[in-house]
Amino acid sequence: MTSAKPVSDRKAGRSNTRSARRRSREFALQGLYQWLLATTPVETIEKHLAETQGFDKMDLEYFRTLLRGVITSQIALESALTPYLDRPIDELSPIERGILLLAGFELRQQLDVPYRVVINEAVELAKTFGGTEGHKYVNGVLDKLATVFRSVETGGK
């Protein structure tokens, strides 16, 4: 008689195989959260996160591209997101706001990453770090934003 691994063991195994880019997104989100709440300088955020367990297992260059790119593009990204929000952007939770900014940046600047991957990664971040239904909100907003930043790729749906 063979025994299957319990679901909890399978999920735990999957989390250990997170890609370096996924980890980069997770750390970039943590940095954005800190920046949104306290306007901490990016260099201080990077030094602080570098001391965190697992930091060495991510794609450092991608992390820096995301964190610094979002911070320098914040106003343009927020302007692009605003038409698809149901409330002012500063009323979003810092997690949802950070995820939307992060994914918005990837949709606009990281054209080597398929838009479906960007949205899926953002939804996964929202499930992990956000509120109970936050992933649905993130998915809806980014699905609309993708038609603007990736109209060729999305087919203008």
C-alpha atoms as a PDB file:
ATOM      1  CA  MET A   1       0.000   0.000   0.000  1.00  0.00           C
ATOM      2  CA  THR A   2       1.468   3.369  -0.997  1.00  0.00           C
ATOM      3  CA  SER A   3       0.865   6.474   0.992  1.00  0.00           C
ATOM      4  CA  ALA A   4       0.460   9.879  -0.569  1.00  0.00           C
ATOM      5  CA  LYS A   5       1.970  12.905   1.070  1.00  0.00           C
ATOM      6  CA  PRO A   6      -0.565  14.967   2.977  1.00  0.00           C
ATOM      7  CA  VAL A   7      -1.621  18.162   1.222  1.00  0.00           C
ATOM      8  CA  SER A   8       0.197  20.269   3.821  1.00  0.00           C
ATOM      9  CA  ASP A   9       3.477  18.470   3.037  1.00  0.00           C
ATOM     10  CA  ARG A  10       3.045  19.019  -0.698  1.00  0.00           C
ATOM     11  CA  LYS A  11       2.379  22.717  -0.168  1.00  0.00           C
ATOM     12  CA  ALA A  12       5.402  23.013   2.102  1.00  0.00           C
ATOM     13  CA  GLY A  13       7.572  21.352  -0.538  1.00  0.00           C
ATOM     14  CA  ARG A  14       6.354  23.748  -3.173  1.00  0.00           C
ATOM     15  CA  SER A  15       7.198  26.793  -1.084  1.00  0.00           C
ATOM     16  CA  ASN A  16      10.795  25.602  -0.852  1.00  0.00           C
ATOM     17  CA  THR A  17      11.081  25.687  -4.639  1.00  0.00           C
ATOM     18  CA  ARG A  18      10.127  29.332  -5.092  1.00  0.00           C
ATOM     19  CA  SER A  19      11.991  30.883  -7.963  1.00  0.00           C
ATOM     20  CA  ALA A  20      14.640  33.533  -7.470  1.00  0.00           C
ATOM     21  CA  ARG A  21      12.381  36.035  -9.238  1.00  0.00           C
ATOM     22  CA  ARG A  22       9.444  35.247  -6.965  1.00  0.00           C
ATOM     23  CA  ARG A  23      11.691  35.836  -3.974  1.00  0.00           C
ATOM     24  CA  SER A  24      12.820  39.110  -5.587  1.00  0.00           C
ATOM     25  CA  ARG A  25       9.195  40.192  -5.829  1.00  0.00           C
ATOM     26  CA  GLU A  26       8.552  39.216  -2.208  1.00  0.00           C
ATOM     27  CA  PHE A  27      11.517  41.223  -0.966  1.00  0.00           C
ATOM     28  CA  ALA A  28      10.672  44.155  -3.250  1.00  0.00           C
ATOM     29  CA  LEU A  29       7.144  44.156  -1.801  1.00  0.00           C
ATOM     30  CA  GLN A  30       8.547  44.188   1.730  1.00  0.00           C
ATOM     31  CA  GLY A  31      10.777  47.110   0.763  1.00  0.00           C
ATOM     32  CA  LEU A  32       7.878  48.974  -0.843  1.00  0.00           C
ATOM     33  CA  TYR A  33       5.771  48.409   2.251  1.00  0.00           C
ATOM     34  CA  GLN A  34       8.489  49.997   4.374  1.00  0.00           C
ATOM     35  CA  TRP A  35       8.895  52.839   1.886  1.00  0.00           C
ATOM     36  CA  LEU A  36       5.148  53.523   1.655  1.00  0.00           C
ATOM     37  CA  LEU A  37       4.716  53.614   5.427  1.00  0.00           C
ATOM     38  CA  ALA A  38       7.832  55.499   6.470  1.00  0.00           C
ATOM     39  CA  THR A  39       9.415  56.887   3.282  1.00  0.00           C
ATOM     40  CA  THR A  40      12.599  55.138   4.354  1.00  0.00           C
ATOM     41  CA  PRO A  41      15.463  55.761   1.882  1.00  0.00           C
ATOM     42  CA  VAL A  42      15.926  52.924  -0.593  1.00  0.00           C
ATOM     43  CA  GLU A  43      19.537  52.333   0.476  1.00  0.00           C
ATOM     44  CA  THR A  44      18.427  51.821   4.091  1.00  0.00           C
ATOM     45  CA  ILE A  45      15.673  49.455   2.980  1.00  0.00           C
ATOM     46  CA  GLU A  46      18.122  47.408   0.925  1.00  0.00           C
ATOM     47  CA  LYS A  47      20.604  47.167   3.823  1.00  0.00           C
ATOM     48  CA  HIS A  48      17.848  46.104   6.203  1.00  0.00           C
ATOM     49  CA  LEU A  49      16.450  43.463   3.854  1.00  0.00           C
ATOM     50  CA  ALA A  50      19.941  42.117   3.109  1.00  0.00           C
ATOM     51  CA  GLU A  51      20.043  40.897   6.719  1.00  0.00           C
ATOM     52  CA  THR A  52      16.826  38.909   6.262  1.00  0.00           C
ATOM     53  CA  GLN A  53      16.866  35.147   5.927  1.00  0.00           C
ATOM     54  CA  GLY A  54      16.533  34.026   2.301  1.00  0.00           C
ATOM     55  CA  PHE A  55      17.794  37.297   0.819  1.00  0.00           C
ATOM     56  CA  ASP A  56      20.744  35.465  -0.727  1.00  0.00           C
ATOM     57  CA  LYS A  57      18.407  33.105  -2.616  1.00  0.00           C
ATOM     58  CA  MET A  58      16.838  35.740  -4.817  1.00  0.00           C
ATOM     59  CA  ASP A  59      17.809  37.531  -8.008  1.00  0.00           C
ATOM     60  CA  LEU A  60      19.457  40.631  -6.525  1.00  0.00           C
ATOM     61  CA  GLU A  61      19.553  42.549  -9.801  1.00  0.00           C
ATOM     62  CA  TYR A  62      15.829  41.950 -10.411  1.00  0.00           C
ATOM     63  CA  PHE A  63      15.014  42.949  -6.833  1.00  0.00           C
ATOM     64  CA  ARG A  64      16.864  46.244  -7.249  1.00  0.00           C
ATOM     65  CA  THR A  65      15.258  46.871 -10.630  1.00  0.00           C
ATOM     66  CA  LEU A  66      11.817  46.372  -9.110  1.00  0.00           C
ATOM     67  CA  LEU A  67      12.303  48.291  -5.880  1.00  0.00           C
ATOM     68  CA  ARG A  68      14.108  51.268  -7.374  1.00  0.00           C
ATOM     69  CA  GLY A  69      11.981  51.257 -10.515  1.00  0.00           C
ATOM     70  CA  VAL A  70       8.716  51.391  -8.609  1.00  0.00           C
ATOM     71  CA  ILE A  71       9.947  54.134  -6.306  1.00  0.00           C
ATOM     72  CA  THR A  72      11.175  56.330  -9.157  1.00  0.00           C
ATOM     73  CA  SER A  73       8.033  55.642 -11.236  1.00  0.00           C
ATOM     74  CA  GLN A  74       5.497  55.898  -8.418  1.00  0.00           C
ATOM     75  CA  ILE A  75       3.598  58.930  -9.714  1.00  0.00           C
ATOM     76  CA  ALA A  76       3.280  57.604 -13.262  1.00  0.00           C
ATOM     77  CA  LEU A  77       2.289  54.140 -12.025  1.00  0.00           C
ATOM     78  CA  GLU A  78      -0.336  55.534  -9.672  1.00  0.00           C
ATOM     79  CA  SER A  79      -1.749  57.685 -12.486  1.00  0.00           C
ATOM     80  CA  ALA A  80      -2.020  54.596 -14.691  1.00  0.00           C
ATOM     81  CA  LEU A  81      -3.690  52.554 -11.928  1.00  0.00           C
ATOM     82  CA  THR A  82      -6.160  55.205 -10.747  1.00  0.00           C
ATOM     83  CA  PRO A  83      -8.818  54.734 -13.479  1.00  0.00           C
ATOM     84  CA  TYR A  84      -9.190  51.077 -12.469  1.00  0.00           C
ATOM     85  CA  LEU A  85      -9.495  51.610  -8.714  1.00  0.00           C
ATOM     86  CA  ASP A  86     -12.768  51.860  -6.810  1.00  0.00           C
ATOM     87  CA  ARG A  87     -11.284  54.267  -4.264  1.00  0.00           C
ATOM     88  CA  PRO A  88      -8.379  56.714  -3.976  1.00  0.00           C
ATOM     89  CA  ILE A  89      -5.015  54.929  -4.117  1.00  0.00           C
ATOM     90  CA  ASP A  90      -3.985  56.220  -0.686  1.00  0.00           C
ATOM     91  CA  GLU A  91      -6.985  54.391   0.806  1.00  0.00           C
ATOM     92  CA  LEU A  92      -5.696  51.003  -0.351  1.00  0.00           C
ATOM     93  CA  SER A  93      -3.876  48.879   2.180  1.00  0.00           C
ATOM     94  CA  PRO A  94      -0.096  49.360   1.872  1.00  0.00           C
ATOM     95  CA  ILE A  95       0.163  45.719   0.772  1.00  0.00           C
ATOM     96  CA  GLU A  96      -2.372  46.027  -2.049  1.00  0.00           C
ATOM     97  CA  ARG A  97      -0.903  49.347  -3.095  1.00  0.00           C
ATOM     98  CA  GLY A  98       2.612  47.918  -3.112  1.00  0.00           C
ATOM     99  CA  ILE A  99       1.544  44.867  -5.115  1.00  0.00           C
ATOM    100  CA  LEU A 100      -0.287  46.991  -7.678  1.00  0.00           C
ATOM    101  CA  LEU A 101       2.700  49.317  -8.047  1.00  0.00           C
ATOM    102  CA  LEU A 102       5.088  46.390  -8.344  1.00  0.00           C
ATOM    103  CA  ALA A 103       3.008  44.569 -10.945  1.00  0.00           C
ATOM    104  CA  GLY A 104       2.256  47.815 -12.764  1.00  0.00           C
ATOM    105  CA  PHE A 105       5.978  48.431 -13.064  1.00  0.00           C
ATOM    106  CA  GLU A 106       6.556  44.911 -14.374  1.00  0.00           C
ATOM    107  CA  LEU A 107       3.746  45.270 -16.906  1.00  0.00           C
ATOM    108  CA  ARG A 108       5.146  48.575 -18.140  1.00  0.00           C
ATOM    109  CA  GLN A 109       8.910  47.935 -17.985  1.00  0.00           C
ATOM    110  CA  GLN A 110       9.666  44.205 -17.849  1.00  0.00           C
ATOM    111  CA  LEU A 111       8.369  43.189 -21.256  1.00  0.00           C
ATOM    112  CA  ASP A 112      10.329  39.927 -21.149  1.00  0.00           C
ATOM    113  CA  VAL A 113       7.924  38.701 -18.462  1.00  0.00           C
ATOM    114  CA  PRO A 114       4.562  37.621 -19.956  1.00  0.00           C
ATOM    115  CA  TYR A 115       1.646  39.661 -18.629  1.00  0.00           C
ATOM    116  CA  ARG A 116      -0.097  36.531 -17.337  1.00  0.00           C
ATOM    117  CA  VAL A 117       2.989  35.723 -15.253  1.00  0.00           C
ATOM    118  CA  VAL A 118       3.044  39.266 -13.844  1.00  0.00           C
ATOM    119  CA  ILE A 119      -0.626  39.041 -12.858  1.00  0.00           C
ATOM    120  CA  ASN A 120      -0.283  35.535 -11.436  1.00  0.00           C
ATOM    121  CA  GLU A 121       2.738  36.537  -9.355  1.00  0.00           C
ATOM    122  CA  ALA A 122       0.866  39.595  -8.041  1.00  0.00           C
ATOM    123  CA  VAL A 123      -2.149  37.461  -7.121  1.00  0.00           C
ATOM    124  CA  GLU A 124       0.139  35.029  -5.280  1.00  0.00           C
ATOM    125  CA  LEU A 125       1.725  37.927  -3.368  1.00  0.00           C
ATOM    126  CA  ALA A 126      -1.739  39.169  -2.437  1.00  0.00           C
ATOM    127  CA  LYS A 127      -2.766  35.708  -1.237  1.00  0.00           C
ATOM    128  CA  THR A 128       0.389  35.415   0.860  1.00  0.00           C
ATOM    129  CA  PHE A 129       0.680  38.921   2.292  1.00  0.00           C
ATOM    130  CA  GLY A 130      -2.667  40.631   1.719  1.00  0.00           C
ATOM    131  CA  GLY A 131      -6.156  40.537   3.147  1.00  0.00           C
ATOM    132  CA  THR A 132      -8.662  37.755   2.626  1.00  0.00           C
ATOM    133  CA  GLU A 133     -10.141  38.956  -0.661  1.00  0.00           C
ATOM    134  CA  GLY A 134      -7.294  41.244  -1.732  1.00  0.00           C
ATOM    135  CA  HIS A 135      -6.095  38.858  -4.423  1.00  0.00           C
ATOM    136  CA  LYS A 136      -9.393  39.211  -6.301  1.00  0.00           C
ATOM    137  CA  TYR A 137      -9.121  42.991  -6.264  1.00  0.00           C
ATOM    138  CA  VAL A 138      -5.489  42.883  -7.412  1.00  0.00           C
ATOM    139  CA  ASN A 139      -6.396  40.481 -10.212  1.00  0.00           C
ATOM    140  CA  GLY A 140      -9.248  42.681 -11.459  1.00  0.00           C
ATOM    141  CA  VAL A 141      -7.218  45.888 -11.479  1.00  0.00           C
ATOM    142  CA  LEU A 142      -4.185  44.320 -13.150  1.00  0.00           C
ATOM    143  CA  ASP A 143      -6.284  42.562 -15.761  1.00  0.00           C
ATOM    144  CA  LYS A 144      -7.540  45.987 -16.883  1.00  0.00           C
ATOM    145  CA  LEU A 145      -4.115  47.626 -16.623  1.00  0.00           C
ATOM    146  CA  ALA A 146      -2.579  44.881 -18.770  1.00  0.00           C
ATOM    147  CA  THR A 147      -4.811  45.919 -21.666  1.00  0.00           C
ATOM    148  CA  VAL A 148      -3.139  49.351 -21.539  1.00  0.00           C
ATOM    149  CA  PHE A 149       0.511  48.401 -21.013  1.00  0.00           C
ATOM    150  CA  ARG A 150       0.396  45.141 -22.982  1.00  0.00           C
ATOM    151  CA  SER A 151      -2.332  45.742 -25.577  1.00  0.00           C
ATOM    152  CA  VAL A 152      -0.474  43.770 -28.247  1.00  0.00           C
ATOM    153  CA  GLU A 153       0.110  40.841 -25.913  1.00  0.00           C
ATOM    154  CA  THR A 154      -3.440  40.832 -24.480  1.00  0.00           C
ATOM    155  CA  GLY A 155      -5.084  41.330 -27.829  1.00  0.00           C
ATOM    156  CA  GLY A 156      -6.806  44.434 -26.424  1.00  0.00           C
ATOM    157  CA  LYS A 157      -9.333  42.267 -24.598  1.00  0.00           C
END
